[in-house]
Amino acid sequence: MVIKRNILSKLIKWRDSKNRKPLILQGARQVGKTWALKQFGKEYFENTAYFNFDEKTELKQFFAQTKDVNRLLQNLSFVNGKPILPEKTLIIFDEIQECNDALNSLKYFNENAPQYVLVCAGSLLGVALNRGASFPVGKVDFLNVYPVSFSEFLGASDLQLLEYLSLKDNFDQIPDLFFNQLVDKFKMYYISGGMPEAVVALLENQDVEQTQRILSNILNAYQLDFSKHTENHLIPKLTHVWNSVPSQLARENKKFVYQTVKQGARAREYEDALLWLAQAGLIYRVYSCKKPALPLSAYGDLSAFKVYLSDVGLLRRLSALDPIAIREGNRLFVEFKGALTENFILQSLIMQFEETPHYWTSGNQAEVDFLIQYQNDIIPIEVKADENVTGKSLSFYEKQFQPKYRIRYSLKNLKQDGNLINIPLFMADFTKKILTLADRTNNLPQIN
C-alpha cells in the first residue's frame, strides 16, 4: 500500500522555487521522512543518490577532509555508483544530525552548487543543534513532516469519501450515509494513529494486533533514543516525563503538573527533559495565553502549559487504551477525558497553520481548549469528543472578546450559526478551507 502524502506536493514546490536552497526535512522518528524523500526521487528524478550517516559512518570522513563541493560530489558519486547530475539526480543526506561537517557543508552547496538538488532528513536534528552542532544559518530551507493525517488515512482507505469532503463548498449538512461512514473511518484512525507502518498494518492487513505491536515497538524505540542520544543524568527524567503524559491528560485540568511526574519534582529539574522531547518532535507544549491578542506568541505564559504527544495513536498505545473500545459507540472518543480527541485536533491544527496553538483560561470560570492565529484574527476553539456540545467557555469568551469566528469540533454535523462554526471531528483537516468558506459565505474580503 502506498499512502499519498501531502508532503510530496510541498517537495515539488520547493524543487521548482527560484531561490531553492538545500532542504532539511524535520520530524519525529518513523513519521515517513525517508520514505517521502525516496518516493520523491523515484517519481520526479532520473536517479536518487542516497547517503545515510548513521548506517555508513565512514561517509563522515569525506566531509571532515574538505569543504570543496566538487570534491565531495566526486567522492559521493563513487559511493553511489552513478554520476550525480544537476537537476536530474536527487541527493539525499539521511540522519544528517550524525555528521556536523555534512550539516555545515550545506552552506557551500547553497553558495557554490545551487544547481544540485539536495535534501536532508534528521529525526533528532533539533536535539543535535541544542548540543552545539554547527549550522548554516540562512543557507537552508525547512519543511516539517508530520504523522499521516486523517485526510491522508481516508485517501488510502476510501478515496471517494475523501473526494466528497474535498469538494464540499457549502455549509449544507453531510448526509447520514456519508457521515456515519466517516465516523467509522475516524474510529479506525484512532487505532493506528498516523505512524505510516501502523496505518499500513491496519488498512492493508486488517491486523489490529500487528498494529498494536508496531506502536509498542515505536514507543520502545523512542525510549531507546533517550539513552542513545542524551546524557546519562537526563535519561530518568526523560522517562518520567514521557510516562507521565497520559496521567497529565487524564486530569480534568490538563495543565502540566510537575508533581505528577514525580513526588517533589520542580520545574527547573525537568525543563531540560521537556525541551529535549519537544526538540525531538515527540511532544507539543501548548502554552497558556494571558491575553488573546496579536501576536499570540507575545502573550504566552511560559509557566503554564499542556503537553500532548505528536501522534494520537501513540498516545492511545502509551495510555494502554484497548482498541476494542472502537466497537462501543463513541467510547473511544470520550474516554480519558477526551484527551485523544484534543490530541488529534492539535495535530491537525499544527499541520495546517504551521504554528502550535495556545489555550486560554479565565480563572475557574472558563477554559478555551485552543487559540489559533488566522490572518489578523484570534479564533477560539472548543473540542468536544461526542455529540454533547454543552459548555459555557466559548460563550464566555464571546462576551469578552467578540471574535470573528468561534470553532467547535464535535461529532455533530457541519453547521454555521452566526459566528459559531461546528466542524465534525473528521473534517478537522479542512479547517482552513472552512474558514475561507465562511468568509465567502459572509461576503468578507479574503487574504491570500
Foldseek 3Di string as FASTA:
>chain_A
DDQDDPVLVVVVVLLPDPLRAAEEEEAFPQQQPVVSLVVSCVPQAQEEQEDECVVDVVLLVQLVVDLDPVSNQVVSCVVSVHHQDFPRYEYEYEQCLNHLSVQVSSQVCSVPPVSHHYYYYHLLNLVSVVVPRDHDPPRYHYDYRAFQALLSLCCLQPVVLSVVLVPDQDQDWDDPVSLVVLVLSVLLCLQQWRRVVLSCCCRVVVDSVVSLVVLVVVVVVVLVCLVVPDDPVCSLLLVLVVLLQLVLLLDLPNKDDQCSSDNPDDCVVNVVSVSSCVSSNFKDWAFEFPDQAPPRVVRTDPVITGIDTRILNSSCSSNVPDSVCSVVPLCVCPPSPNSSLLNSLQNLCCVVVVDRWHKYDDPPPAIFSTWDCDDRFIETEAEDSEPPPDDCRVVVVCVVPVTQAYEYEYSDIFDDDRRYTYHHSSCSNCVVVVVVSVCVVVVHDDDD
